[in-house]
């Protein structure tokens, strides 16, 4: 009985560690291509896409996690 209890604890610890590793990996991937720019919004294409002007260069930016209908 004691051996089965120890196996259960070891399994729970292993699963918990794997879950934490997966959550951490997802967090790293979601921010992998992110960068910060400062500028003036000069256009709105639809609810989740804007155009930003920075140093005479326009950047088309899609906002992540914003769920809006497309322009119709």
PDB file of N, CA and C in Angstrom:
ATOM      1  N   UNK A   1       0.824  -1.196   0.000  1.00  0.00           N
ATOM      2  CA  UNK A   1       0.000   0.000   0.000  1.00  0.00           C
ATOM      3  C   UNK A   1       0.867   1.258   0.000  1.00  0.00           C
ATOM      4  N   UNK A   2       1.947   1.227   0.773  1.00  0.00           N
ATOM      5  CA  UNK A   2       2.818   2.386   0.869  1.00  0.00           C
ATOM      6  C   UNK A   2       3.497   2.667  -0.472  1.00  0.00           C
ATOM      7  N   UNK A   3       3.849   1.626  -1.213  1.00  0.00           N
ATOM      8  CA  UNK A   3       4.502   1.786  -2.522  1.00  0.00           C
ATOM      9  C   UNK A   3       3.534   2.434  -3.511  1.00  0.00           C
ATOM     10  N   UNK A   4       2.285   2.021  -3.513  1.00  0.00           N
ATOM     11  CA  UNK A   4       1.300   2.620  -4.420  1.00  0.00           C
ATOM     12  C   UNK A   4       1.100   4.096  -4.091  1.00  0.00           C
ATOM     13  N   UNK A   5       1.078   4.447  -2.808  1.00  0.00           N
ATOM     14  CA  UNK A   5       0.922   5.842  -2.394  1.00  0.00           C
ATOM     15  C   UNK A   5       2.102   6.682  -2.884  1.00  0.00           C
ATOM     16  N   UNK A   6       3.319   6.139  -2.772  1.00  0.00           N
ATOM     17  CA  UNK A   6       4.509   6.847  -3.234  1.00  0.00           C
ATOM     18  C   UNK A   6       4.478   7.022  -4.752  1.00  0.00           C
ATOM     19  N   UNK A   7       4.014   6.017  -5.486  1.00  0.00           N
ATOM     20  CA  UNK A   7       3.887   6.121  -6.947  1.00  0.00           C
ATOM     21  C   UNK A   7       2.879   7.203  -7.328  1.00  0.00           C
ATOM     22  N   UNK A   8       1.766   7.251  -6.615  1.00  0.00           N
ATOM     23  CA  UNK A   8       0.743   8.272  -6.887  1.00  0.00           C
ATOM     24  C   UNK A   8       1.308   9.672  -6.697  1.00  0.00           C
ATOM     25  N   UNK A   9       2.065   9.855  -5.620  1.00  0.00           N
ATOM     26  CA  UNK A   9       2.663  11.167  -5.371  1.00  0.00           C
ATOM     27  C   UNK A   9       3.677  11.505  -6.455  1.00  0.00           C
ATOM     28  N   UNK A  10       4.509  10.541  -6.821  1.00  0.00           N
ATOM     29  CA  UNK A  10       5.513  10.773  -7.865  1.00  0.00           C
ATOM     30  C   UNK A  10       4.848  11.105  -9.192  1.00  0.00           C
ATOM     31  N   UNK A  11       3.772  10.435  -9.518  1.00  0.00           N
ATOM     32  CA  UNK A  11       3.046  10.694 -10.760  1.00  0.00           C
ATOM     33  C   UNK A  11       2.429  12.096 -10.746  1.00  0.00           C
ATOM     34  N   UNK A  12       1.846  12.474  -9.627  1.00  0.00           N
ATOM     35  CA  UNK A  12       1.249  13.808  -9.523  1.00  0.00           C
ATOM     36  C   UNK A  12       2.311  14.898  -9.649  1.00  0.00           C
ATOM     37  N   UNK A  13       3.461  14.696  -9.033  1.00  0.00           N
ATOM     38  CA  UNK A  13       4.547  15.677  -9.131  1.00  0.00           C
ATOM     39  C   UNK A  13       5.047  15.769 -10.563  1.00  0.00           C
ATOM     40  N   UNK A  14       5.212  14.637 -11.223  1.00  0.00           N
ATOM     41  CA  UNK A  14       5.681  14.624 -12.614  1.00  0.00           C
ATOM     42  C   UNK A  14       4.698  15.333 -13.536  1.00  0.00           C
ATOM     43  N   UNK A  15       3.426  15.036 -13.389  1.00  0.00           N
ATOM     44  CA  UNK A  15       2.405  15.672 -14.225  1.00  0.00           C
ATOM     45  C   UNK A  15       2.369  17.175 -13.958  1.00  0.00           C
ATOM     46  N   UNK A  16       2.492  17.568 -12.704  1.00  0.00           N
ATOM     47  CA  UNK A  16       2.484  18.997 -12.371  1.00  0.00           C
ATOM     48  C   UNK A  16       3.671  19.717 -12.994  1.00  0.00           C
ATOM     49  N   UNK A  17       4.849  19.108 -12.932  1.00  0.00           N
ATOM     50  CA  UNK A  17       6.036  19.719 -13.540  1.00  0.00           C
ATOM     51  C   UNK A  17       5.906  19.826 -15.053  1.00  0.00           C
ATOM     52  N   UNK A  18       5.390  18.785 -15.688  1.00  0.00           N
ATOM     53  CA  UNK A  18       5.190  18.838 -17.138  1.00  0.00           C
ATOM     54  C   UNK A  18       4.187  19.929 -17.510  1.00  0.00           C
ATOM     55  N   UNK A  19       3.138  20.067 -16.737  1.00  0.00           N
ATOM     56  CA  UNK A  19       2.143  21.106 -16.988  1.00  0.00           C
ATOM     57  C   UNK A  19       2.768  22.498 -16.861  1.00  0.00           C
ATOM     58  N   UNK A  20       3.569  22.703 -15.832  1.00  0.00           N
ATOM     59  CA  UNK A  20       4.248  23.991 -15.663  1.00  0.00           C
ATOM     60  C   UNK A  20       5.202  24.278 -16.819  1.00  0.00           C
ATOM     61  N   UNK A  21       5.924  23.272 -17.279  1.00  0.00           N
ATOM     62  CA  UNK A  21       6.826  23.453 -18.423  1.00  0.00           C
ATOM     63  C   UNK A  21       6.049  23.836 -19.678  1.00  0.00           C
ATOM     64  N   UNK A  22       4.913  23.190 -19.907  1.00  0.00           N
ATOM     65  CA  UNK A  22       4.095  23.508 -21.083  1.00  0.00           C
ATOM     66  C   UNK A  22       3.559  24.935 -21.009  1.00  0.00           C
ATOM     67  N   UNK A  23       3.079  25.332 -19.857  1.00  0.00           N
ATOM     68  CA  UNK A  23       2.556  26.696 -19.695  1.00  0.00           C
ATOM     69  C   UNK A  23       3.660  27.715 -19.922  1.00  0.00           C
ATOM     70  N   UNK A  24       4.841  27.450 -19.398  1.00  0.00           N
ATOM     71  CA  UNK A  24       5.978  28.342 -19.582  1.00  0.00           C
ATOM     72  C   UNK A  24       6.367  28.428 -21.054  1.00  0.00           C
ATOM     73  N   UNK A  25       6.386  27.298 -21.751  1.00  0.00           N
ATOM     74  CA  UNK A  25       6.745  27.293 -23.173  1.00  0.00           C
ATOM     75  C   UNK A  25       5.736  28.082 -23.992  1.00  0.00           C
ATOM     76  N   UNK A  26       4.462  27.958 -23.681  1.00  0.00           N
ATOM     77  CA  UNK A  26       3.434  28.711 -24.404  1.00  0.00           C
ATOM     78  C   UNK A  26       3.642  30.208 -24.189  1.00  0.00           C
ATOM     79  N   UNK A  27       3.954  30.610 -22.987  1.00  0.00           N
ATOM     80  CA  UNK A  27       4.205  32.019 -22.700  1.00  0.00           C
ATOM     81  C   UNK A  27       5.401  32.559 -23.466  1.00  0.00           C
ATOM     82  N   UNK A  28       6.448  31.770 -23.590  1.00  0.00           N
ATOM     83  CA  UNK A  28       7.628  32.207 -24.326  1.00  0.00           C
ATOM     84  C   UNK A  28       7.342  32.342 -25.815  1.00  0.00           C
ATOM     85  N   UNK A  29       6.580  31.416 -26.361  1.00  0.00           N
ATOM     86  CA  UNK A  29       6.273  31.451 -27.792  1.00  0.00           C
ATOM     87  C   UNK A  29       5.362  32.622 -28.123  1.00  0.00           C
ATOM     88  N   UNK A  30       4.397  32.914 -27.270  1.00  0.00           N
ATOM     89  CA  UNK A  30       3.453  33.980 -27.585  1.00  0.00           C
ATOM     90  C   UNK A  30       4.101  35.356 -27.608  1.00  0.00           C
ATOM     91  N   UNK A  31       5.228  35.540 -26.914  1.00  0.00           N
ATOM     92  CA  UNK A  31       5.910  36.826 -26.886  1.00  0.00           C
ATOM     93  C   UNK A  31       7.180  36.831 -27.732  1.00  0.00           C
ATOM     94  N   UNK A  32       7.412  35.768 -28.488  1.00  0.00           N
ATOM     95  CA  UNK A  32       8.672  35.635 -29.216  1.00  0.00           C
ATOM     96  C   UNK A  32       8.864  36.739 -30.255  1.00  0.00           C
ATOM     97  N   UNK A  33       7.808  37.139 -30.965  1.00  0.00           N
ATOM     98  CA  UNK A  33       7.955  38.136 -32.013  1.00  0.00           C
ATOM     99  C   UNK A  33       7.482  39.524 -31.618  1.00  0.00           C
ATOM    100  N   UNK A  34       7.179  39.726 -30.356  1.00  0.00           N
ATOM    101  CA  UNK A  34       6.631  40.999 -29.918  1.00  0.00           C
ATOM    102  C   UNK A  34       7.726  42.055 -29.776  1.00  0.00           C
ATOM    103  N   UNK A  35       7.378  43.277 -30.149  1.00  0.00           N
ATOM    104  CA  UNK A  35       8.279  44.400 -29.934  1.00  0.00           C
ATOM    105  C   UNK A  35       7.438  45.643 -29.670  1.00  0.00           C
ATOM    106  N   UNK A  36       8.060  46.660 -29.137  1.00  0.00           N
ATOM    107  CA  UNK A  36       7.360  47.888 -28.791  1.00  0.00           C
ATOM    108  C   UNK A  36       7.787  49.003 -29.731  1.00  0.00           C
ATOM    109  N   UNK A  37       6.799  49.724 -30.264  1.00  0.00           N
ATOM    110  CA  UNK A  37       7.094  50.918 -31.053  1.00  0.00           C
ATOM    111  C   UNK A  37       6.262  52.060 -30.488  1.00  0.00           C
ATOM    112  N   UNK A  38       6.745  53.273 -30.699  1.00  0.00           N
ATOM    113  CA  UNK A  38       6.021  54.458 -30.276  1.00  0.00           C
ATOM    114  C   UNK A  38       5.790  55.322 -31.503  1.00  0.00           C
ATOM    115  N   UNK A  39       4.565  55.739 -31.705  1.00  0.00           N
ATOM    116  CA  UNK A  39       4.255  56.551 -32.868  1.00  0.00           C
ATOM    117  C   UNK A  39       2.843  57.084 -32.795  1.00  0.00           C
ATOM    118  N   UNK A  40       2.381  57.578 -33.929  1.00  0.00           N
ATOM    119  CA  UNK A  40       1.044  58.163 -34.025  1.00  0.00           C
ATOM    120  C   UNK A  40       0.167  57.244 -34.864  1.00  0.00           C
ATOM    121  N   UNK A  41      -1.031  56.934 -34.357  1.00  0.00           N
ATOM    122  CA  UNK A  41      -1.980  56.128 -35.122  1.00  0.00           C
ATOM    123  C   UNK A  41      -2.533  57.010 -36.223  1.00  0.00           C
ATOM    124  N   UNK A  42      -2.304  56.597 -37.478  1.00  0.00           N
ATOM    125  CA  UNK A  42      -2.751  57.396 -38.616  1.00  0.00           C
ATOM    126  C   UNK A  42      -3.866  56.725 -39.405  1.00  0.00           C
ATOM    127  N   UNK A  43      -4.226  55.506 -39.003  1.00  0.00           N
ATOM    128  CA  UNK A  43      -5.317  54.836 -39.699  1.00  0.00           C
ATOM    129  C   UNK A  43      -5.822  53.634 -38.931  1.00  0.00           C
ATOM    130  N   UNK A  44      -7.106  53.322 -39.152  1.00  0.00           N
ATOM    131  CA  UNK A  44      -7.716  52.133 -38.569  1.00  0.00           C
ATOM    132  C   UNK A  44      -8.349  51.367 -39.713  1.00  0.00           C
ATOM    133  N   UNK A  45      -7.813  50.174 -39.998  1.00  0.00           N
ATOM    134  CA  UNK A  45      -8.326  49.372 -41.110  1.00  0.00           C
ATOM    135  C   UNK A  45      -9.632  48.684 -40.714  1.00  0.00           C
ATOM    136  N   UNK A  46      -9.653  48.098 -39.543  1.00  0.00           N
ATOM    137  CA  UNK A  46     -10.860  47.511 -38.973  1.00  0.00           C
ATOM    138  C   UNK A  46     -10.655  47.473 -37.460  1.00  0.00           C
ATOM    139  N   UNK A  47     -11.446  46.713 -36.742  1.00  0.00           N
ATOM    140  CA  UNK A  47     -11.389  46.758 -35.290  1.00  0.00           C
ATOM    141  C   UNK A  47     -10.109  46.269 -34.661  1.00  0.00           C
ATOM    142  N   UNK A  48      -9.307  45.492 -35.393  1.00  0.00           N
ATOM    143  CA  UNK A  48      -8.095  44.953 -34.792  1.00  0.00           C
ATOM    144  C   UNK A  48      -6.826  45.249 -35.592  1.00  0.00           C
ATOM    145  N   UNK A  49      -6.894  46.141 -36.559  1.00  0.00           N
ATOM    146  CA  UNK A  49      -5.728  46.487 -37.370  1.00  0.00           C
ATOM    147  C   UNK A  49      -5.602  48.001 -37.460  1.00  0.00           C
ATOM    148  N   UNK A  50      -4.419  48.511 -37.088  1.00  0.00           N
ATOM    149  CA  UNK A  50      -4.168  49.947 -37.139  1.00  0.00           C
ATOM    150  C   UNK A  50      -2.898  50.220 -37.928  1.00  0.00           C
ATOM    151  N   UNK A  51      -2.739  51.457 -38.382  1.00  0.00           N
ATOM    152  CA  UNK A  51      -1.511  51.900 -39.025  1.00  0.00           C
ATOM    153  C   UNK A  51      -0.872  52.945 -38.132  1.00  0.00           C
ATOM    154  N   UNK A  52       0.401  52.729 -37.809  1.00  0.00           N
ATOM    155  CA  UNK A  52       1.129  53.621 -36.909  1.00  0.00           C
ATOM    156  C   UNK A  52       2.279  54.254 -37.684  1.00  0.00           C
ATOM    157  N   UNK A  53       2.439  55.571 -37.514  1.00  0.00           N
ATOM    158  CA  UNK A  53       3.530  56.309 -38.153  1.00  0.00           C
ATOM    159  C   UNK A  53       4.624  56.539 -37.124  1.00  0.00           C
ATOM    160  N   UNK A  54       5.836  56.073 -37.474  1.00  0.00           N
ATOM    161  CA  UNK A  54       6.997  56.261 -36.598  1.00  0.00           C
ATOM    162  C   UNK A  54       8.188  56.642 -37.469  1.00  0.00           C
ATOM    163  N   UNK A  55       8.743  57.814 -37.237  1.00  0.00           N
ATOM    164  CA  UNK A  55       9.920  58.289 -37.981  1.00  0.00           C
ATOM    165  C   UNK A  55       9.720  58.190 -39.499  1.00  0.00           C
ATOM    166  N   UNK A  56       8.611  58.718 -39.996  1.00  0.00           N
ATOM    167  CA  UNK A  56       8.276  58.766 -41.423  1.00  0.00           C
ATOM    168  C   UNK A  56       8.081  57.378 -42.045  1.00  0.00           C
ATOM    169  N   UNK A  57       7.878  56.345 -41.210  1.00  0.00           N
ATOM    170  CA  UNK A  57       7.609  54.991 -41.696  1.00  0.00           C
ATOM    171  C   UNK A  57       6.285  54.534 -41.130  1.00  0.00           C
ATOM    172  N   UNK A  58       5.421  53.973 -42.009  1.00  0.00           N
ATOM    173  CA  UNK A  58       4.131  53.469 -41.560  1.00  0.00           C
ATOM    174  C   UNK A  58       4.227  51.969 -41.295  1.00  0.00           C
ATOM    175  N   UNK A  59       3.655  51.551 -40.176  1.00  0.00           N
ATOM    176  CA  UNK A  59       3.614  50.144 -39.804  1.00  0.00           C
ATOM    177  C   UNK A  59       2.158  49.720 -39.668  1.00  0.00           C
ATOM    178  N   UNK A  60       1.799  48.642 -40.360  1.00  0.00           N
ATOM    179  CA  UNK A  60       0.461  48.075 -40.216  1.00  0.00           C
ATOM    180  C   UNK A  60       0.543  47.048 -39.091  1.00  0.00           C
ATOM    181  N   UNK A  61      -0.273  47.240 -38.044  1.00  0.00           N
ATOM    182  CA  UNK A  61      -0.186  46.419 -36.842  1.00  0.00           C
ATOM    183  C   UNK A  61      -1.516  45.728 -36.596  1.00  0.00           C
ATOM    184  N   UNK A  62      -1.457  44.422 -36.424  1.00  0.00           N
ATOM    185  CA  UNK A  62      -2.636  43.644 -36.058  1.00  0.00           C
ATOM    186  C   UNK A  62      -2.591  43.412 -34.562  1.00  0.00           C
ATOM    187  N   UNK A  63      -3.638  43.813 -33.855  1.00  0.00           N
ATOM    188  CA  UNK A  63      -3.695  43.712 -32.404  1.00  0.00           C
ATOM    189  C   UNK A  63      -4.103  42.298 -32.007  1.00  0.00           C
ATOM    190  N   UNK A  64      -3.265  41.662 -31.231  1.00  0.00           N
ATOM    191  CA  UNK A  64      -3.473  40.278 -30.810  1.00  0.00           C
ATOM    192  C   UNK A  64      -4.516  40.210 -29.696  1.00  0.00           C
ATOM    193  N   UNK A  65      -5.430  39.259 -29.810  1.00  0.00           N
ATOM    194  CA  UNK A  65      -6.413  39.030 -28.760  1.00  0.00           C
ATOM    195  C   UNK A  65      -7.641  39.909 -28.854  1.00  0.00           C
ATOM    196  N   UNK A  66      -7.741  40.710 -29.907  1.00  0.00           N
ATOM    197  CA  UNK A  66      -8.908  41.567 -30.110  1.00  0.00           C
ATOM    198  C   UNK A  66      -9.820  40.868 -31.114  1.00  0.00           C
ATOM    199  N   UNK A  67     -11.048  40.588 -30.709  1.00  0.00           N
ATOM    200  CA  UNK A  67     -11.993  39.885 -31.577  1.00  0.00           C
ATOM    201  C   UNK A  67     -13.105  40.859 -31.979  1.00  0.00           C
ATOM    202  N   UNK A  68     -13.011  41.378 -33.207  1.00  0.00           N
ATOM    203  CA  UNK A  68     -14.005  42.319 -33.705  1.00  0.00           C
ATOM    204  C   UNK A  68     -14.429  41.896 -35.102  1.00  0.00           C
ATOM    205  N   UNK A  69     -15.607  42.305 -35.535  1.00  0.00           N
ATOM    206  CA  UNK A  69     -16.021  41.978 -36.898  1.00  0.00           C
ATOM    207  C   UNK A  69     -15.166  42.725 -37.922  1.00  0.00           C
ATOM    208  N   UNK A  70     -14.997  42.109 -39.075  1.00  0.00           N
ATOM    209  CA  UNK A  70     -14.259  42.751 -40.161  1.00  0.00           C
ATOM    210  C   UNK A  70     -15.103  43.873 -40.753  1.00  0.00           C
ATOM    211  N   UNK A  71     -14.424  44.817 -41.350  1.00  0.00           N
ATOM    212  CA  UNK A  71     -15.110  45.952 -41.984  1.00  0.00           C
ATOM    213  C   UNK A  71     -15.892  45.426 -43.190  1.00  0.00           C
ATOM    214  N   UNK A  72     -17.138  45.830 -43.315  1.00  0.00           N
ATOM    215  CA  UNK A  72     -17.944  45.279 -44.398  1.00  0.00           C
ATOM    216  C   UNK A  72     -18.651  46.289 -45.225  1.00  0.00           C
TER     217      UNK A  72
END
